[in-house]
Amino acid sequence: MIKRFIGDIKKYFNYAKYSAKAELKAEVAGSYLNWVWWILEPVCLMFIYAFIFGFVFQAREEYFTAFIYIGLAVWTFFNQNLKNSVTIIKKNKGVVSKVYLPKFVLLESKMFVNGFKMVVSFAIVIVLMIFYHVHLTWNVLFFIPLMICLWLVTFGFMCILCHFGVYVQDLANVVTIALRLIFYMTGIMFSIEHRIGKGHPELAMILEKFNPMAFIIDGCRKCLIYGQMPELKVLLIWLVIGVLLSFAGIRLIYKNENSYVKVS
């Protein structure tokens, strides 16, 4: 199966790449500002959240604007990919019913789209780091394995949701509600360690280590703006879990993909 997966990745990589480019162009085709919206929209969201949580709720995390933006960039990538994965087979029924296409290639294309947007967001993070005069350390290199972990975990969940989304009609609504709950448990607008850890250290530890998004976001903040390293043992565990999730998801899709068109 692994050999087949690697072969399919190589064979259909260009399709996923050009499909992602076409989707990105279509998003801004009817807009006066065109590609500027990819920068303007996240920047506006950042200022809205910074005002609400920084001014109204008196959040005092260091480098607060960059702190929020890192959380938003990672969460948006994860959130959008999982939402899209549930209905991706049904939305592309016209394509998959006419030609054979490994169904995970559709997921790969969607990840390229949201991955490009995340790259734009992290470019803005770099600008904010320069503005704040953030002192960089060698720990910034841990950003790479954190992004690999994010990609693997996201891809694994997407494959599983893609499969069950074909058969379970209401799964999209369930996933939307679940993601909303996870959003508030991830500490995107606040530090779990500082806000929850003071009164409930056990709960903070559970949220930070057993929620992959909370761990990855916290790890990115540590290595990029605070000069610290993430917990390597937890990072290794989530990397392994990401590989296992991806393996299970790919196996599920390969085993059942011939029946997807009939059901959808």
Protein backbone atom coordinates (compact mmCIF):
# COMPACT_ATOMS: atom_id res chain seq x y z
CA MET A 1 0.00 0.00 0.00
CA ILE A 2 2.83 2.41 0.85
CA LYS A 3 4.43 1.77 -2.55
CA ARG A 4 1.11 2.43 -4.29
CA PHE A 5 0.57 5.62 -2.26
CA ILE A 6 4.03 7.00 -3.14
CA GLY A 7 3.44 6.13 -6.80
CA ASP A 8 0.07 7.90 -6.80
CA ILE A 9 1.57 10.97 -5.12
CA LYS A 10 4.19 11.25 -7.86
CA LYS A 11 1.72 10.52 -10.65
CA TYR A 12 -1.00 12.96 -9.57
CA PHE A 13 1.12 15.66 -7.92
CA ASN A 14 0.82 18.00 -10.91
CA TYR A 15 -2.97 17.55 -10.95
CA ALA A 16 -3.19 18.51 -7.26
CA LYS A 17 -0.89 21.50 -7.83
CA TYR A 18 -2.77 22.90 -10.84
CA SER A 19 -6.13 22.21 -9.22
CA ALA A 20 -5.01 24.25 -6.18
CA LYS A 21 -3.81 27.09 -8.44
CA ALA A 22 -7.13 27.13 -10.29
CA GLU A 23 -9.08 27.28 -7.02
CA LEU A 24 -6.95 30.12 -5.68
CA LYS A 25 -7.43 32.11 -8.88
CA ALA A 26 -11.18 31.45 -8.86
CA GLU A 27 -11.47 32.75 -5.28
CA VAL A 28 -10.31 36.24 -6.23
CA ALA A 29 -11.40 36.33 -9.89
CA GLY A 30 -14.40 38.61 -9.27
CA SER A 31 -12.71 40.83 -6.70
CA TYR A 32 -11.35 44.32 -7.30
CA LEU A 33 -8.52 43.78 -4.83
CA ASN A 34 -7.70 40.33 -6.26
CA TRP A 35 -4.92 38.53 -4.35
CA VAL A 36 -4.66 41.38 -1.81
CA TRP A 37 -7.60 39.77 0.01
CA TRP A 38 -5.35 36.86 1.01
CA ILE A 39 -3.42 39.37 3.11
CA LEU A 40 -6.18 41.83 3.98
CA GLU A 41 -8.68 39.30 5.36
CA PRO A 42 -6.38 37.64 7.95
CA VAL A 43 -4.93 41.03 8.94
CA CYS A 44 -8.44 42.38 9.61
CA LEU A 45 -9.31 39.30 11.66
CA MET A 46 -6.09 39.70 13.63
CA PHE A 47 -6.91 43.31 14.55
CA ILE A 48 -10.49 42.38 15.48
CA TYR A 49 -9.36 39.59 17.81
CA ALA A 50 -6.49 41.69 19.16
CA PHE A 51 -8.94 44.47 20.05
CA ILE A 52 -11.53 42.14 21.61
CA PHE A 53 -9.12 40.03 23.65
CA GLY A 54 -6.39 42.61 24.20
CA PHE A 55 -8.56 45.62 25.05
CA VAL A 56 -11.90 44.20 26.18
CA PHE A 57 -10.65 41.06 27.99
CA GLN A 58 -7.31 42.57 29.00
CA ALA A 59 -5.07 39.80 27.61
CA ARG A 60 -1.43 40.51 28.39
CA GLU A 61 0.61 37.86 26.56
CA GLU A 62 3.94 39.17 25.29
CA TYR A 63 3.99 40.09 21.56
CA PHE A 64 0.23 39.74 21.70
CA THR A 65 -0.54 40.54 18.04
CA ALA A 66 1.97 37.97 16.77
CA PHE A 67 0.76 35.58 19.49
CA ILE A 68 -2.79 35.73 18.12
CA TYR A 69 -1.74 35.61 14.49
CA ILE A 70 0.25 32.38 14.91
CA GLY A 71 -2.79 30.76 16.53
CA LEU A 72 -5.11 31.95 13.77
CA ALA A 73 -2.78 30.81 10.97
CA VAL A 74 -2.43 27.24 12.28
CA TRP A 75 -6.07 26.90 13.34
CA THR A 76 -7.47 28.20 10.04
CA PHE A 77 -5.40 25.64 8.12
CA PHE A 78 -6.63 22.77 10.29
CA ASN A 79 -10.23 23.98 10.53
CA GLN A 80 -10.78 24.67 6.81
CA ASN A 81 -9.18 21.42 5.72
CA LEU A 82 -11.29 19.27 8.03
CA LYS A 83 -14.52 21.03 7.08
CA ASN A 84 -13.81 20.66 3.37
CA SER A 85 -12.81 17.00 3.65
CA VAL A 86 -16.25 15.82 4.81
CA THR A 87 -18.03 16.78 1.57
CA ILE A 88 -15.14 16.72 -0.89
CA ILE A 89 -16.19 13.50 -2.65
CA LYS A 90 -19.75 14.71 -3.20
CA LYS A 91 -18.59 18.11 -4.44
CA ASN A 92 -16.24 16.47 -6.94
CA LYS A 93 -18.59 13.69 -8.04
CA GLY A 94 -18.41 14.93 -11.64
CA VAL A 95 -14.66 14.34 -11.69
CA VAL A 96 -14.39 11.06 -9.77
CA SER A 97 -17.28 9.46 -11.65
CA LYS A 98 -15.65 9.98 -15.08
CA VAL A 99 -11.95 9.27 -14.51
CA TYR A 100 -10.02 7.33 -11.89
CA LEU A 101 -8.41 9.61 -9.38
CA PRO A 102 -7.08 8.53 -5.97
CA LYS A 103 -9.48 10.30 -3.63
CA PHE A 104 -6.75 11.53 -1.32
CA VAL A 105 -5.42 13.64 -4.24
CA LEU A 106 -8.51 15.84 -3.81
CA LEU A 107 -7.52 16.28 -0.17
CA GLU A 108 -3.95 17.04 -1.17
CA SER A 109 -5.15 19.78 -3.52
CA LYS A 110 -7.26 21.35 -0.77
CA MET A 111 -4.28 21.24 1.60
CA PHE A 112 -2.18 23.08 -1.01
CA VAL A 113 -4.82 25.82 -1.17
CA ASN A 114 -5.02 26.28 2.60
CA GLY A 115 -1.28 25.72 2.95
CA PHE A 116 -0.60 28.64 0.59
CA LYS A 117 -2.86 30.85 2.69
CA MET A 118 -1.05 29.73 5.84
CA VAL A 119 2.30 30.64 4.24
CA VAL A 120 0.92 34.14 3.56
CA SER A 121 -0.18 34.37 7.21
CA PHE A 122 3.26 33.35 8.48
CA ALA A 123 4.86 35.92 6.19
CA ILE A 124 2.83 38.49 8.13
CA VAL A 125 4.00 36.86 11.37
CA ILE A 126 7.60 37.50 10.25
CA VAL A 127 6.73 41.16 9.66
CA LEU A 128 5.27 41.35 13.18
CA MET A 129 8.36 39.67 14.64
CA ILE A 130 10.54 42.31 12.96
CA PHE A 131 8.25 45.06 14.28
CA TYR A 132 8.48 43.68 17.84
CA HIS A 133 12.28 43.14 17.52
CA VAL A 134 11.86 39.50 18.51
CA HIS A 135 15.20 37.90 19.32
CA LEU A 136 15.61 34.70 17.28
CA THR A 137 17.31 31.59 18.64
CA TRP A 138 18.20 28.23 17.12
CA ASN A 139 14.92 26.93 18.56
CA VAL A 140 13.18 28.53 15.58
CA LEU A 141 14.22 25.39 13.64
CA PHE A 142 11.64 23.38 15.61
CA PHE A 143 9.05 25.16 13.48
CA ILE A 144 9.81 22.66 10.69
CA PRO A 145 8.92 19.44 12.58
CA LEU A 146 5.89 21.22 14.06
CA MET A 147 4.62 21.97 10.53
CA ILE A 148 5.29 18.36 9.48
CA CYS A 149 3.29 17.23 12.49
CA LEU A 150 0.46 19.62 11.58
CA TRP A 151 0.41 18.34 7.98
CA LEU A 152 0.38 14.66 9.03
CA VAL A 153 -2.29 15.01 11.71
CA THR A 154 -4.48 17.14 9.44
CA PHE A 155 -4.09 14.77 6.47
CA GLY A 156 -4.88 11.75 8.63
CA PHE A 157 -8.08 13.26 10.01
CA MET A 158 -9.06 14.48 6.52
CA CYS A 159 -8.76 10.98 5.03
CA ILE A 160 -10.93 9.48 7.77
CA LEU A 161 -13.55 12.23 7.54
CA CYS A 162 -13.52 12.03 3.74
CA HIS A 163 -14.42 8.33 3.95
CA PHE A 164 -17.19 8.60 6.52
CA GLY A 165 -18.52 11.81 4.95
CA VAL A 166 -19.65 9.77 1.95
CA TYR A 167 -21.90 7.55 4.08
CA VAL A 168 -23.00 9.78 6.97
CA GLN A 169 -25.19 12.65 5.77
CA ASP A 170 -25.03 14.74 8.96
CA LEU A 171 -21.31 14.36 9.56
CA ALA A 172 -20.57 17.88 8.24
CA ASN A 173 -22.79 19.41 10.95
CA VAL A 174 -21.23 17.24 13.66
CA VAL A 175 -17.70 18.18 12.54
CA THR A 176 -18.59 21.91 12.52
CA ILE A 177 -19.85 21.72 16.11
CA ALA A 178 -16.86 19.63 17.24
CA LEU A 179 -14.41 22.07 15.66
CA ARG A 180 -16.14 24.98 17.36
CA LEU A 181 -15.65 23.23 20.72
CA ILE A 182 -12.01 22.46 19.94
CA PHE A 183 -11.48 26.11 18.94
CA TYR A 184 -12.25 27.26 22.48
CA MET A 185 -10.13 24.48 23.98
CA THR A 186 -7.06 25.32 21.89
CA GLY A 187 -5.99 28.65 23.39
CA ILE A 188 -5.87 30.58 20.13
CA MET A 189 -6.62 33.92 21.82
CA PHE A 190 -5.04 33.18 25.19
CA SER A 191 -2.31 31.16 26.83
CA ILE A 192 -3.67 27.93 28.31
CA GLU A 193 -0.68 27.74 30.64
CA HIS A 194 -1.17 31.26 32.02
CA ARG A 195 -4.98 31.51 32.00
CA ILE A 196 -6.06 27.98 32.96
CA GLY A 197 -2.85 26.60 34.43
CA LYS A 198 -2.89 28.95 37.42
CA GLY A 199 -6.11 27.57 38.87
CA HIS A 200 -6.36 24.20 37.14
CA PRO A 201 -2.87 22.90 36.24
CA GLU A 202 -4.10 19.35 35.53
CA LEU A 203 -6.72 20.60 33.07
CA ALA A 204 -4.16 22.87 31.39
CA MET A 205 -1.77 19.93 30.96
CA ILE A 206 -4.53 17.81 29.37
CA LEU A 207 -5.55 20.61 26.98
CA GLU A 208 -1.96 21.37 25.96
CA LYS A 209 -0.75 17.80 25.42
CA PHE A 210 -3.82 15.83 24.35
CA ASN A 211 -5.14 18.45 21.91
CA PRO A 212 -2.75 18.40 18.91
CA MET A 213 -3.73 21.90 17.78
CA ALA A 214 -3.12 23.37 21.22
CA PHE A 215 0.29 21.69 21.36
CA ILE A 216 1.32 22.72 17.83
CA ILE A 217 0.17 26.33 18.25
CA ASP A 218 1.90 26.61 21.62
CA GLY A 219 5.02 25.03 20.15
CA CYS A 220 5.07 27.48 17.23
CA ARG A 221 4.74 30.41 19.61
CA LYS A 222 7.53 29.09 21.80
CA CYS A 223 10.06 28.54 19.01
CA LEU A 224 9.19 31.63 16.92
CA ILE A 225 8.59 34.47 19.37
CA TYR A 226 9.70 33.24 22.80
CA GLY A 227 12.98 31.50 21.91
CA GLN A 228 11.99 28.24 23.58
CA MET A 229 11.72 24.67 22.35
CA PRO A 230 8.51 22.63 22.38
CA GLU A 231 8.26 19.48 24.46
CA LEU A 232 10.16 17.03 22.28
CA LYS A 233 8.59 13.91 23.74
CA VAL A 234 5.07 15.20 23.05
CA LEU A 235 6.12 16.33 19.56
CA LEU A 236 7.47 12.86 18.78
CA ILE A 237 4.26 11.24 20.05
CA TRP A 238 2.07 13.45 17.83
CA LEU A 239 4.34 12.83 14.83
CA VAL A 240 3.86 9.09 15.32
CA ILE A 241 0.11 9.55 15.78
CA GLY A 242 0.02 11.66 12.61
CA VAL A 243 1.75 8.89 10.64
CA LEU A 244 -0.63 6.27 12.05
CA LEU A 245 -3.70 8.41 11.29
CA SER A 246 -2.47 9.01 7.74
CA PHE A 247 -1.76 5.31 7.23
CA ALA A 248 -5.20 4.31 8.55
CA GLY A 249 -6.93 6.99 6.44
CA ILE A 250 -5.14 6.07 3.22
CA ARG A 251 -5.87 2.38 3.79
CA LEU A 252 -9.54 3.19 4.39
CA ILE A 253 -9.78 5.20 1.17
CA TYR A 254 -7.98 2.62 -0.99
CA LYS A 255 -10.18 -0.15 0.34
CA ASN A 256 -13.49 1.66 -0.25
CA GLU A 257 -12.94 4.26 -2.98
CA ASN A 258 -14.64 2.19 -5.71
CA SER A 259 -17.93 2.40 -3.80
CA TYR A 260 -17.84 6.16 -3.18
CA VAL A 261 -19.36 7.15 -6.52
CA LYS A 262 -22.29 4.74 -6.07
CA VAL A 263 -23.09 6.10 -2.62
CA SER A 264 -22.54 9.82 -3.32
